[in-house]
Amino acid sequence: MNDAFVEKYGQPMSQAAETAYVQTIVYSDAVERVGSFYPPDVIKAIEDYDIEGIGPGVTTYRGCDHQALHDIVVVQGTSADERDSEYELLKMVKRVPREEVEYACDYFPGELGPYKPA
């Protein structure tokens, strides 16, 4: 994904561009799986569905609160003399398994509301 972006635009994909790309892929995959653009069907297709290749490890969009759960990457900034390119601003220090940072569905109170569109 990033190689094609670099070839076309001459620089690595920004975090915002990657997020937009990934969310478009998640949405289009759900639409294809349910064969519908109807929002409640698409939402239900994404809930509790495991997705690989969009982050560190497997990502699950949890049905109970719609949080994206995955491993967490801890990073540290790099100095100019540590970089192999001008875009290498961070280095990975540690990968924390999702199980170590996951929290209960009721940790943050609130309701998601009905599936039915307004």
C-alpha atoms as a PDB file:
ATOM      1  CA  MET A   1       0.000   0.000   0.000  1.00  0.00           C
ATOM      2  CA  ASN A   2       2.646   2.547   1.012  1.00  0.00           C
ATOM      3  CA  ASP A   3       4.955   1.621  -1.889  1.00  0.00           C
ATOM      4  CA  ALA A   4       2.243   2.527  -4.418  1.00  0.00           C
ATOM      5  CA  PHE A   5       1.595   5.798  -2.582  1.00  0.00           C
ATOM      6  CA  VAL A   6       5.313   6.682  -2.583  1.00  0.00           C
ATOM      7  CA  GLU A   7       5.573   5.863  -6.288  1.00  0.00           C
ATOM      8  CA  LYS A   8       2.642   8.137  -7.129  1.00  0.00           C
ATOM      9  CA  TYR A   9       3.250  11.044  -4.701  1.00  0.00           C
ATOM     10  CA  GLY A  10       6.983  10.875  -3.958  1.00  0.00           C
ATOM     11  CA  GLN A  11       6.584  10.594  -0.180  1.00  0.00           C
ATOM     12  CA  PRO A  12       5.213   8.125   2.359  1.00  0.00           C
ATOM     13  CA  MET A  13       1.540   8.120   3.226  1.00  0.00           C
ATOM     14  CA  SER A  14       0.579  10.396   6.125  1.00  0.00           C
ATOM     15  CA  GLN A  15      -1.272   8.979   9.102  1.00  0.00           C
ATOM     16  CA  ALA A  16      -4.419  10.796   7.954  1.00  0.00           C
ATOM     17  CA  ALA A  17      -4.163   9.326   4.445  1.00  0.00           C
ATOM     18  CA  GLU A  18      -3.591   5.830   5.827  1.00  0.00           C
ATOM     19  CA  THR A  19      -6.562   6.141   8.196  1.00  0.00           C
ATOM     20  CA  ALA A  20      -8.835   7.298   5.359  1.00  0.00           C
ATOM     21  CA  TYR A  21      -7.630   4.441   3.139  1.00  0.00           C
ATOM     22  CA  VAL A  22      -8.056   1.792   5.848  1.00  0.00           C
ATOM     23  CA  GLN A  23     -11.545   2.961   6.845  1.00  0.00           C
ATOM     24  CA  THR A  24     -12.602   2.940   3.185  1.00  0.00           C
ATOM     25  CA  ILE A  25     -11.342  -0.647   2.853  1.00  0.00           C
ATOM     26  CA  VAL A  26     -13.145  -1.717   6.066  1.00  0.00           C
ATOM     27  CA  TYR A  27     -16.399  -0.110   4.884  1.00  0.00           C
ATOM     28  CA  SER A  28     -16.232  -1.489   1.336  1.00  0.00           C
ATOM     29  CA  ASP A  29     -15.423  -4.976   2.646  1.00  0.00           C
ATOM     30  CA  ALA A  30     -18.495  -4.864   4.914  1.00  0.00           C
ATOM     31  CA  VAL A  31     -20.696  -3.646   2.039  1.00  0.00           C
ATOM     32  CA  GLU A  32     -19.470  -6.492  -0.168  1.00  0.00           C
ATOM     33  CA  ARG A  33     -19.998  -9.111   2.561  1.00  0.00           C
ATOM     34  CA  VAL A  34     -23.619  -8.045   3.240  1.00  0.00           C
ATOM     35  CA  GLY A  35     -24.454  -7.002  -0.315  1.00  0.00           C
ATOM     36  CA  SER A  36     -26.026  -3.770   0.872  1.00  0.00           C
ATOM     37  CA  PHE A  37     -25.309  -0.109   1.608  1.00  0.00           C
ATOM     38  CA  TYR A  38     -28.034  -0.064   4.303  1.00  0.00           C
ATOM     39  CA  PRO A  39     -26.247   1.400   7.375  1.00  0.00           C
ATOM     40  CA  PRO A  40     -27.585  -1.070  10.000  1.00  0.00           C
ATOM     41  CA  ASP A  41     -26.469  -4.020   7.856  1.00  0.00           C
ATOM     42  CA  VAL A  42     -23.024  -2.493   7.293  1.00  0.00           C
ATOM     43  CA  ILE A  43     -22.613  -1.695  11.000  1.00  0.00           C
ATOM     44  CA  LYS A  44     -23.526  -5.245  12.003  1.00  0.00           C
ATOM     45  CA  ALA A  45     -21.069  -6.635   9.441  1.00  0.00           C
ATOM     46  CA  ILE A  46     -18.203  -4.640  10.973  1.00  0.00           C
ATOM     47  CA  GLU A  47     -19.072  -5.388  14.608  1.00  0.00           C
ATOM     48  CA  ASP A  48     -16.919  -8.123  16.163  1.00  0.00           C
ATOM     49  CA  TYR A  49     -15.276  -8.819  12.812  1.00  0.00           C
ATOM     50  CA  ASP A  50     -11.546  -9.589  12.802  1.00  0.00           C
ATOM     51  CA  ILE A  51      -9.485  -7.765  10.178  1.00  0.00           C
ATOM     52  CA  GLU A  52      -5.833  -8.407   9.361  1.00  0.00           C
ATOM     53  CA  GLY A  53      -3.397  -6.150   7.562  1.00  0.00           C
ATOM     54  CA  ILE A  54      -4.552  -2.728   8.789  1.00  0.00           C
ATOM     55  CA  GLY A  55      -2.396  -2.416  11.873  1.00  0.00           C
ATOM     56  CA  PRO A  56      -0.266  -4.389  14.224  1.00  0.00           C
ATOM     57  CA  GLY A  57      -1.832  -7.835  14.527  1.00  0.00           C
ATOM     58  CA  VAL A  58      -5.534  -8.532  14.180  1.00  0.00           C
ATOM     59  CA  THR A  59      -7.971  -5.623  14.607  1.00  0.00           C
ATOM     60  CA  THR A  60     -11.499  -6.152  15.912  1.00  0.00           C
ATOM     61  CA  TYR A  61     -14.158  -3.443  15.860  1.00  0.00           C
ATOM     62  CA  ARG A  62     -15.845  -4.456  19.081  1.00  0.00           C
ATOM     63  CA  GLY A  63     -19.639  -4.674  18.804  1.00  0.00           C
ATOM     64  CA  CYS A  64     -20.435  -3.491  22.323  1.00  0.00           C
ATOM     65  CA  ASP A  65     -18.787  -0.068  21.979  1.00  0.00           C
ATOM     66  CA  HIS A  66     -17.378   0.122  18.418  1.00  0.00           C
ATOM     67  CA  GLN A  67     -13.784   0.482  19.626  1.00  0.00           C
ATOM     68  CA  ALA A  68     -11.034  -0.791  17.324  1.00  0.00           C
ATOM     69  CA  LEU A  69      -8.936  -3.170  19.388  1.00  0.00           C
ATOM     70  CA  HIS A  70      -5.443  -4.231  18.308  1.00  0.00           C
ATOM     71  CA  ASP A  71      -1.902  -4.454  19.576  1.00  0.00           C
ATOM     72  CA  ILE A  72      -0.389  -1.092  20.506  1.00  0.00           C
ATOM     73  CA  VAL A  73       2.960   0.096  19.188  1.00  0.00           C
ATOM     74  CA  VAL A  74       5.005   2.255  21.546  1.00  0.00           C
ATOM     75  CA  VAL A  75       7.266   4.633  19.630  1.00  0.00           C
ATOM     76  CA  GLN A  76      10.005   7.122  20.349  1.00  0.00           C
ATOM     77  CA  GLY A  77      11.079  10.108  18.280  1.00  0.00           C
ATOM     78  CA  THR A  78      14.338   9.918  16.390  1.00  0.00           C
ATOM     79  CA  SER A  79      17.016  12.549  16.085  1.00  0.00           C
ATOM     80  CA  ALA A  80      18.172  13.679  12.662  1.00  0.00           C
ATOM     81  CA  ASP A  81      21.354  11.590  12.858  1.00  0.00           C
ATOM     82  CA  GLU A  82      19.358   8.388  13.616  1.00  0.00           C
ATOM     83  CA  ARG A  83      17.173   8.628  10.494  1.00  0.00           C
ATOM     84  CA  ASP A  84      17.644   6.767   7.238  1.00  0.00           C
ATOM     85  CA  SER A  85      15.299   9.274   5.554  1.00  0.00           C
ATOM     86  CA  GLU A  86      13.655  12.598   6.329  1.00  0.00           C
ATOM     87  CA  TYR A  87      10.377  10.748   6.970  1.00  0.00           C
ATOM     88  CA  GLU A  88      11.700   8.328   9.583  1.00  0.00           C
ATOM     89  CA  LEU A  89      10.604  10.360  12.598  1.00  0.00           C
ATOM     90  CA  LEU A  90       9.788   7.479  14.952  1.00  0.00           C
ATOM     91  CA  LYS A  91      11.258   4.144  15.930  1.00  0.00           C
ATOM     92  CA  MET A  92       9.330   1.283  17.460  1.00  0.00           C
ATOM     93  CA  VAL A  93      10.285   0.656  21.080  1.00  0.00           C
ATOM     94  CA  LYS A  94       7.791  -2.029  22.033  1.00  0.00           C
ATOM     95  CA  ARG A  95       4.689  -3.832  20.832  1.00  0.00           C
ATOM     96  CA  VAL A  96       2.075  -4.301  23.552  1.00  0.00           C
ATOM     97  CA  PRO A  97      -0.428  -7.148  23.048  1.00  0.00           C
ATOM     98  CA  ARG A  98      -4.041  -6.003  22.852  1.00  0.00           C
ATOM     99  CA  GLU A  99      -4.936  -8.223  25.807  1.00  0.00           C
ATOM    100  CA  GLU A 100      -2.744  -6.051  28.048  1.00  0.00           C
ATOM    101  CA  VAL A 101      -4.575  -2.817  27.184  1.00  0.00           C
ATOM    102  CA  GLU A 102      -8.121  -4.048  26.530  1.00  0.00           C
ATOM    103  CA  TYR A 103     -10.855  -2.812  28.863  1.00  0.00           C
ATOM    104  CA  ALA A 104     -14.424  -3.884  29.649  1.00  0.00           C
ATOM    105  CA  CYS A 105     -17.250  -2.715  27.383  1.00  0.00           C
ATOM    106  CA  ASP A 106     -18.873  -0.793  30.234  1.00  0.00           C
ATOM    107  CA  TYR A 107     -15.675   1.078  31.208  1.00  0.00           C
ATOM    108  CA  PHE A 108     -16.975   4.240  29.548  1.00  0.00           C
ATOM    109  CA  PRO A 109     -20.707   4.711  30.182  1.00  0.00           C
ATOM    110  CA  GLY A 110     -23.092   5.561  27.378  1.00  0.00           C
ATOM    111  CA  GLU A 111     -25.324   4.057  24.736  1.00  0.00           C
ATOM    112  CA  LEU A 112     -24.591   3.621  21.035  1.00  0.00           C
ATOM    113  CA  GLY A 113     -28.238   4.204  20.165  1.00  0.00           C
ATOM    114  CA  PRO A 114     -30.463   2.311  17.767  1.00  0.00           C
ATOM    115  CA  TYR A 115     -29.290   0.813  14.480  1.00  0.00           C
ATOM    116  CA  LYS A 116     -32.209   2.379  12.641  1.00  0.00           C
ATOM    117  CA  PRO A 117     -31.154   5.424  10.590  1.00  0.00           C
ATOM    118  CA  ALA A 118     -32.848   8.742  11.382  1.00  0.00           C
END
